[in-house]
N, C-alpha and C. Protein backbone atom coordinates (compact mmCIF):
# COMPACT_ATOMS: atom_id res chain seq x y z
N MET A 1 -110.09 38.27 45.39
CA MET A 1 -109.81 38.12 46.81
C MET A 1 -110.36 39.34 47.54
N THR A 2 -111.11 39.11 48.58
CA THR A 2 -111.64 40.22 49.34
C THR A 2 -110.60 40.70 50.34
N ASN A 3 -110.77 41.92 50.79
CA ASN A 3 -109.89 42.49 51.80
C ASN A 3 -108.43 42.52 51.33
N ARG A 4 -108.23 42.91 50.08
CA ARG A 4 -106.88 42.99 49.51
C ARG A 4 -106.60 44.42 49.11
N THR A 5 -105.41 44.91 49.46
CA THR A 5 -104.98 46.25 49.07
C THR A 5 -103.64 46.13 48.39
N ASN A 6 -103.53 46.69 47.19
CA ASN A 6 -102.26 46.74 46.46
C ASN A 6 -101.72 48.16 46.53
N ILE A 7 -100.44 48.29 46.79
CA ILE A 7 -99.77 49.59 46.80
C ILE A 7 -98.75 49.58 45.68
N GLY A 8 -98.83 50.55 44.80
CA GLY A 8 -97.87 50.67 43.70
C GLY A 8 -96.86 51.76 43.98
N SER A 9 -95.73 51.66 43.33
CA SER A 9 -94.71 52.70 43.48
C SER A 9 -94.78 53.70 42.33
N GLY A 10 -95.54 53.34 41.29
CA GLY A 10 -95.62 54.20 40.11
C GLY A 10 -94.57 53.85 39.06
N ALA A 11 -93.73 52.85 39.35
CA ALA A 11 -92.71 52.45 38.38
C ALA A 11 -93.39 51.87 37.14
N PRO A 12 -92.92 52.23 35.96
CA PRO A 12 -93.58 51.76 34.73
C PRO A 12 -93.56 50.25 34.58
N TRP A 13 -92.56 49.59 35.13
CA TRP A 13 -92.46 48.14 34.96
C TRP A 13 -93.43 47.36 35.83
N GLU A 14 -94.13 48.02 36.77
CA GLU A 14 -95.12 47.30 37.58
C GLU A 14 -96.23 46.72 36.69
N ASN A 15 -96.69 47.50 35.72
CA ASN A 15 -97.73 47.02 34.82
C ASN A 15 -97.18 46.05 33.77
N ILE A 16 -95.93 46.26 33.36
CA ILE A 16 -95.32 45.36 32.37
C ILE A 16 -95.10 43.98 32.97
N VAL A 17 -94.53 43.94 34.17
CA VAL A 17 -94.21 42.68 34.82
C VAL A 17 -95.44 42.10 35.53
N GLY A 18 -96.30 42.98 36.02
CA GLY A 18 -97.51 42.55 36.72
C GLY A 18 -97.26 42.30 38.19
N TYR A 19 -96.84 43.34 38.92
CA TYR A 19 -96.62 43.21 40.36
C TYR A 19 -96.94 44.52 41.05
N SER A 20 -97.02 44.46 42.37
CA SER A 20 -97.24 45.64 43.22
C SER A 20 -96.06 45.81 44.16
N ARG A 21 -95.81 47.04 44.58
CA ARG A 21 -94.77 47.30 45.57
C ARG A 21 -95.09 46.54 46.86
N ALA A 22 -96.36 46.59 47.27
CA ALA A 22 -96.78 45.90 48.48
C ALA A 22 -98.21 45.40 48.31
N VAL A 23 -98.51 44.29 48.95
CA VAL A 23 -99.85 43.73 48.93
C VAL A 23 -100.23 43.38 50.37
N LYS A 24 -101.41 43.85 50.78
CA LYS A 24 -101.95 43.52 52.10
C LYS A 24 -103.19 42.67 51.90
N THR A 25 -103.20 41.50 52.52
CA THR A 25 -104.38 40.64 52.53
C THR A 25 -104.62 40.26 53.98
N GLY A 26 -105.73 40.72 54.52
CA GLY A 26 -105.97 40.50 55.95
C GLY A 26 -104.85 41.14 56.75
N PRO A 27 -104.28 40.40 57.72
CA PRO A 27 -103.22 40.96 58.54
C PRO A 27 -101.82 40.83 57.93
N LEU A 28 -101.71 40.19 56.76
CA LEU A 28 -100.41 39.92 56.13
C LEU A 28 -100.06 40.99 55.10
N ILE A 29 -98.83 41.47 55.18
CA ILE A 29 -98.31 42.41 54.18
C ILE A 29 -97.03 41.82 53.60
N GLU A 30 -96.98 41.77 52.28
CA GLU A 30 -95.76 41.35 51.58
C GLU A 30 -95.27 42.53 50.75
N ILE A 31 -93.99 42.86 50.90
CA ILE A 31 -93.38 43.92 50.11
C ILE A 31 -92.42 43.27 49.13
N SER A 32 -92.60 43.58 47.85
CA SER A 32 -91.77 43.02 46.79
C SER A 32 -90.31 43.37 47.00
N GLY A 33 -89.46 42.62 46.31
CA GLY A 33 -88.04 42.94 46.33
C GLY A 33 -87.84 44.41 46.04
N THR A 34 -87.15 45.08 46.95
CA THR A 34 -87.00 46.53 46.89
C THR A 34 -85.52 46.87 46.75
N THR A 35 -85.23 47.77 45.83
CA THR A 35 -83.85 48.18 45.59
C THR A 35 -83.70 49.68 45.83
N ALA A 36 -82.48 50.15 45.73
CA ALA A 36 -82.17 51.55 46.01
C ALA A 36 -82.32 52.41 44.75
N ILE A 37 -83.52 52.39 44.19
CA ILE A 37 -83.83 53.25 43.05
C ILE A 37 -84.86 54.28 43.51
N ASP A 38 -84.55 55.55 43.30
CA ASP A 38 -85.45 56.62 43.76
C ASP A 38 -86.60 56.83 42.77
N ALA A 39 -87.45 57.78 43.09
CA ALA A 39 -88.65 58.05 42.29
C ALA A 39 -88.33 58.50 40.86
N GLU A 40 -87.13 59.04 40.65
CA GLU A 40 -86.73 59.48 39.31
C GLU A 40 -86.00 58.39 38.53
N GLY A 41 -85.85 57.21 39.14
CA GLY A 41 -85.18 56.10 38.47
C GLY A 41 -83.69 56.05 38.65
N ASN A 42 -83.17 56.86 39.59
CA ASN A 42 -81.73 56.89 39.84
C ASN A 42 -81.34 55.93 40.95
N VAL A 43 -80.16 55.32 40.82
CA VAL A 43 -79.64 54.46 41.87
C VAL A 43 -79.11 55.35 42.99
N VAL A 44 -79.55 55.08 44.21
CA VAL A 44 -79.10 55.82 45.38
C VAL A 44 -77.95 55.04 46.02
N GLY A 45 -76.93 55.72 46.49
CA GLY A 45 -75.82 55.07 47.18
C GLY A 45 -74.95 54.26 46.24
N MET A 46 -74.64 54.82 45.11
CA MET A 46 -73.82 54.12 44.11
C MET A 46 -72.54 53.57 44.76
N GLY A 47 -72.35 52.26 44.66
CA GLY A 47 -71.15 51.62 45.19
C GLY A 47 -71.12 51.48 46.70
N ASP A 48 -72.21 51.80 47.40
CA ASP A 48 -72.24 51.81 48.86
C ASP A 48 -73.39 50.92 49.36
N ALA A 49 -73.07 49.69 49.74
CA ALA A 49 -74.09 48.74 50.17
C ALA A 49 -74.82 49.21 51.43
N TYR A 50 -74.11 49.88 52.33
CA TYR A 50 -74.73 50.42 53.55
C TYR A 50 -75.80 51.45 53.19
N ALA A 51 -75.45 52.41 52.33
CA ALA A 51 -76.39 53.46 51.94
C ALA A 51 -77.58 52.88 51.18
N GLN A 52 -77.32 51.90 50.32
CA GLN A 52 -78.42 51.28 49.58
C GLN A 52 -79.38 50.57 50.54
N THR A 53 -78.82 49.86 51.51
CA THR A 53 -79.67 49.14 52.47
C THR A 53 -80.54 50.11 53.26
N ARG A 54 -79.95 51.19 53.74
CA ARG A 54 -80.73 52.19 54.48
C ARG A 54 -81.87 52.75 53.62
N PHE A 55 -81.56 53.08 52.38
CA PHE A 55 -82.58 53.64 51.48
C PHE A 55 -83.71 52.64 51.26
N ILE A 56 -83.35 51.38 51.06
CA ILE A 56 -84.35 50.33 50.82
C ILE A 56 -85.29 50.20 52.01
N ILE A 57 -84.74 50.18 53.21
CA ILE A 57 -85.58 50.02 54.40
C ILE A 57 -86.48 51.24 54.58
N GLN A 58 -85.98 52.41 54.29
CA GLN A 58 -86.81 53.61 54.36
C GLN A 58 -87.95 53.55 53.34
N LYS A 59 -87.66 53.02 52.15
CA LYS A 59 -88.68 52.85 51.12
C LYS A 59 -89.76 51.87 51.59
N ALA A 60 -89.34 50.80 52.23
CA ALA A 60 -90.31 49.82 52.76
C ALA A 60 -91.15 50.46 53.86
N ALA A 61 -90.53 51.28 54.69
CA ALA A 61 -91.27 51.97 55.76
C ALA A 61 -92.36 52.86 55.17
N GLU A 62 -92.07 53.51 54.04
CA GLU A 62 -93.08 54.35 53.38
C GLU A 62 -94.26 53.51 52.88
N ALA A 63 -93.96 52.35 52.30
CA ALA A 63 -95.04 51.47 51.83
C ALA A 63 -95.88 50.99 53.00
N LEU A 64 -95.23 50.63 54.10
CA LEU A 64 -95.96 50.19 55.29
C LEU A 64 -96.83 51.31 55.84
N ALA A 65 -96.32 52.53 55.83
CA ALA A 65 -97.10 53.68 56.32
C ALA A 65 -98.36 53.86 55.48
N GLN A 66 -98.26 53.64 54.16
CA GLN A 66 -99.44 53.75 53.30
C GLN A 66 -100.48 52.71 53.68
N LEU A 67 -100.04 51.63 54.32
CA LEU A 67 -100.96 50.57 54.75
C LEU A 67 -101.31 50.68 56.23
N GLY A 68 -100.94 51.79 56.84
CA GLY A 68 -101.34 52.07 58.21
C GLY A 68 -100.49 51.43 59.29
N THR A 69 -99.26 51.07 58.97
CA THR A 69 -98.38 50.46 59.97
C THR A 69 -96.95 50.94 59.76
N GLY A 70 -96.01 50.27 60.36
CA GLY A 70 -94.61 50.67 60.24
C GLY A 70 -93.68 49.49 60.34
N LEU A 71 -92.41 49.79 60.46
CA LEU A 71 -91.39 48.74 60.52
C LEU A 71 -91.59 47.80 61.71
N HIS A 72 -92.24 48.27 62.77
CA HIS A 72 -92.47 47.42 63.95
C HIS A 72 -93.29 46.18 63.61
N SER A 73 -93.99 46.21 62.47
CA SER A 73 -94.82 45.07 62.05
C SER A 73 -94.04 44.04 61.23
N VAL A 74 -92.80 44.34 60.87
CA VAL A 74 -92.01 43.43 60.03
C VAL A 74 -91.61 42.19 60.83
N VAL A 75 -91.94 41.02 60.27
CA VAL A 75 -91.60 39.75 60.92
C VAL A 75 -90.52 38.99 60.16
N ARG A 76 -90.23 39.39 58.92
CA ARG A 76 -89.19 38.71 58.14
C ARG A 76 -88.62 39.65 57.09
N THR A 77 -87.29 39.55 56.91
CA THR A 77 -86.63 40.22 55.79
C THR A 77 -85.80 39.18 55.04
N ARG A 78 -85.72 39.38 53.73
CA ARG A 78 -84.88 38.52 52.89
C ARG A 78 -83.98 39.44 52.09
N MET A 79 -82.69 39.35 52.34
CA MET A 79 -81.72 40.24 51.70
C MET A 79 -80.94 39.48 50.64
N PHE A 80 -80.96 40.00 49.44
CA PHE A 80 -80.22 39.43 48.32
C PHE A 80 -79.09 40.41 48.01
N VAL A 81 -77.86 39.94 48.10
CA VAL A 81 -76.70 40.83 47.96
C VAL A 81 -75.77 40.29 46.87
N THR A 82 -75.13 41.20 46.16
CA THR A 82 -74.25 40.77 45.07
C THR A 82 -72.82 40.48 45.55
N ASP A 83 -72.49 40.87 46.77
CA ASP A 83 -71.16 40.60 47.32
C ASP A 83 -71.30 40.33 48.82
N ILE A 84 -71.31 39.06 49.19
CA ILE A 84 -71.50 38.69 50.59
C ILE A 84 -70.40 39.24 51.49
N ALA A 85 -69.26 39.60 50.91
CA ALA A 85 -68.17 40.19 51.71
C ALA A 85 -68.60 41.53 52.32
N GLN A 86 -69.67 42.13 51.80
CA GLN A 86 -70.18 43.39 52.35
C GLN A 86 -71.26 43.17 53.40
N TRP A 87 -71.38 41.95 53.90
CA TRP A 87 -72.45 41.61 54.84
C TRP A 87 -72.44 42.49 56.09
N GLU A 88 -71.27 42.89 56.56
CA GLU A 88 -71.22 43.69 57.79
C GLU A 88 -71.86 45.06 57.59
N GLN A 89 -71.60 45.71 56.45
CA GLN A 89 -72.20 47.02 56.19
C GLN A 89 -73.71 46.90 55.98
N ILE A 90 -74.12 45.86 55.28
CA ILE A 90 -75.55 45.62 55.06
C ILE A 90 -76.23 45.30 56.39
N GLY A 91 -75.59 44.42 57.17
CA GLY A 91 -76.11 44.07 58.49
C GLY A 91 -76.18 45.25 59.44
N LYS A 92 -75.18 46.12 59.37
CA LYS A 92 -75.17 47.32 60.22
C LYS A 92 -76.39 48.19 59.92
N ALA A 93 -76.65 48.43 58.63
CA ALA A 93 -77.81 49.25 58.26
C ALA A 93 -79.11 48.57 58.68
N HIS A 94 -79.21 47.28 58.46
CA HIS A 94 -80.40 46.51 58.85
C HIS A 94 -80.61 46.63 60.36
N GLY A 95 -79.54 46.49 61.11
CA GLY A 95 -79.61 46.57 62.57
C GLY A 95 -80.03 47.93 63.08
N GLU A 96 -79.69 48.98 62.37
CA GLU A 96 -80.09 50.32 62.80
C GLU A 96 -81.60 50.48 62.82
N PHE A 97 -82.29 49.76 61.96
CA PHE A 97 -83.76 49.82 61.92
C PHE A 97 -84.41 48.71 62.73
N PHE A 98 -83.76 47.54 62.79
CA PHE A 98 -84.42 46.36 63.33
C PHE A 98 -83.78 45.80 64.60
N LYS A 99 -82.89 46.57 65.23
CA LYS A 99 -82.19 46.08 66.42
C LYS A 99 -83.15 45.62 67.51
N GLU A 100 -84.22 46.35 67.73
CA GLU A 100 -85.18 46.02 68.77
C GLU A 100 -86.30 45.12 68.25
N ILE A 101 -86.63 45.22 66.97
CA ILE A 101 -87.73 44.46 66.38
C ILE A 101 -87.33 43.01 66.16
N LYS A 102 -86.11 42.82 65.68
CA LYS A 102 -85.53 41.50 65.44
C LYS A 102 -86.41 40.56 64.61
N PRO A 103 -86.71 40.92 63.36
CA PRO A 103 -87.46 39.99 62.51
C PRO A 103 -86.57 38.80 62.14
N ALA A 104 -87.19 37.71 61.71
CA ALA A 104 -86.42 36.63 61.11
C ALA A 104 -85.76 37.24 59.87
N ALA A 105 -84.52 36.86 59.59
CA ALA A 105 -83.81 37.49 58.48
C ALA A 105 -82.95 36.47 57.75
N THR A 106 -82.85 36.67 56.46
CA THR A 106 -82.00 35.85 55.60
C THR A 106 -81.17 36.78 54.73
N MET A 107 -79.89 36.44 54.54
CA MET A 107 -79.04 37.17 53.61
C MET A 107 -78.33 36.14 52.74
N VAL A 108 -78.51 36.26 51.44
CA VAL A 108 -77.85 35.35 50.51
C VAL A 108 -77.18 36.15 49.39
N GLU A 109 -76.08 35.61 48.91
CA GLU A 109 -75.41 36.22 47.77
C GLU A 109 -76.04 35.70 46.49
N VAL A 110 -76.26 36.63 45.56
CA VAL A 110 -76.79 36.29 44.24
C VAL A 110 -75.80 36.75 43.18
N LYS A 111 -75.88 36.14 42.03
CA LYS A 111 -74.95 36.47 40.95
C LYS A 111 -75.11 37.92 40.50
N ALA A 112 -76.37 38.37 40.37
CA ALA A 112 -76.61 39.73 39.88
C ALA A 112 -78.02 40.15 40.22
N LEU A 113 -78.23 41.46 40.25
CA LEU A 113 -79.57 42.05 40.35
C LEU A 113 -79.88 42.67 38.99
N ILE A 114 -81.06 43.25 38.85
CA ILE A 114 -81.53 43.71 37.54
C ILE A 114 -80.66 44.82 36.94
N ASP A 115 -79.95 45.56 37.77
CA ASP A 115 -79.03 46.61 37.32
C ASP A 115 -77.70 46.37 38.04
N PRO A 116 -76.58 46.33 37.32
CA PRO A 116 -75.30 46.04 37.97
C PRO A 116 -74.89 47.06 39.03
N LYS A 117 -75.51 48.24 39.05
CA LYS A 117 -75.20 49.24 40.07
C LYS A 117 -75.89 48.94 41.40
N LEU A 118 -76.86 48.02 41.36
CA LEU A 118 -77.59 47.65 42.58
C LEU A 118 -76.82 46.57 43.32
N LEU A 119 -76.61 46.77 44.60
CA LEU A 119 -75.84 45.84 45.42
C LEU A 119 -76.71 45.01 46.35
N VAL A 120 -77.93 45.51 46.63
CA VAL A 120 -78.81 44.89 47.62
C VAL A 120 -80.25 44.96 47.12
N GLU A 121 -81.01 43.89 47.38
CA GLU A 121 -82.45 43.89 47.17
C GLU A 121 -83.05 43.20 48.39
N ILE A 122 -84.11 43.77 48.94
CA ILE A 122 -84.71 43.21 50.16
C ILE A 122 -86.21 43.03 49.98
N GLU A 123 -86.71 41.88 50.43
CA GLU A 123 -88.15 41.62 50.53
C GLU A 123 -88.52 41.70 52.01
N PHE A 124 -89.75 42.11 52.27
CA PHE A 124 -90.23 42.26 53.65
C PHE A 124 -91.57 41.58 53.80
N THR A 125 -91.77 40.95 54.96
CA THR A 125 -93.07 40.41 55.34
C THR A 125 -93.46 41.07 56.65
N ALA A 126 -94.67 41.57 56.72
CA ALA A 126 -95.16 42.21 57.95
C ALA A 126 -96.49 41.56 58.34
N TRP A 127 -96.80 41.64 59.62
CA TRP A 127 -98.04 41.08 60.17
C TRP A 127 -98.69 42.13 61.05
N VAL A 128 -99.93 42.46 60.77
CA VAL A 128 -100.62 43.50 61.53
C VAL A 128 -101.87 42.94 62.20
N GLY A 129 -101.78 41.70 62.65
CA GLY A 129 -102.94 40.99 63.23
C GLY A 129 -103.33 41.42 64.57
């Protein structure tokens, strides 16, 4: 595919699983499911869905910056949460970044994420057309 840029996070499982942190094709950017794991592999915001959500969105902003844009380009978020009862804290953090941007958003409860310490995973779609 021409005009494609892959951004990696450096995580060892990217090559094992075969995925990129973010992929830009033309004006479309897709950011893979992102969790609150830092560069050293530690879970950030242990037990705190609000803190995890903030960290995740900041991580996505860094990937977007590597592709020459920012959160203002986000048109959709998909939030996967392990406890829907925490929706207000997750929504509060999401709103702090997207209150004015207002992307289409989905939040669904899932049985589990890849690590039981993770409470939230978010996918992002951005458009830079």
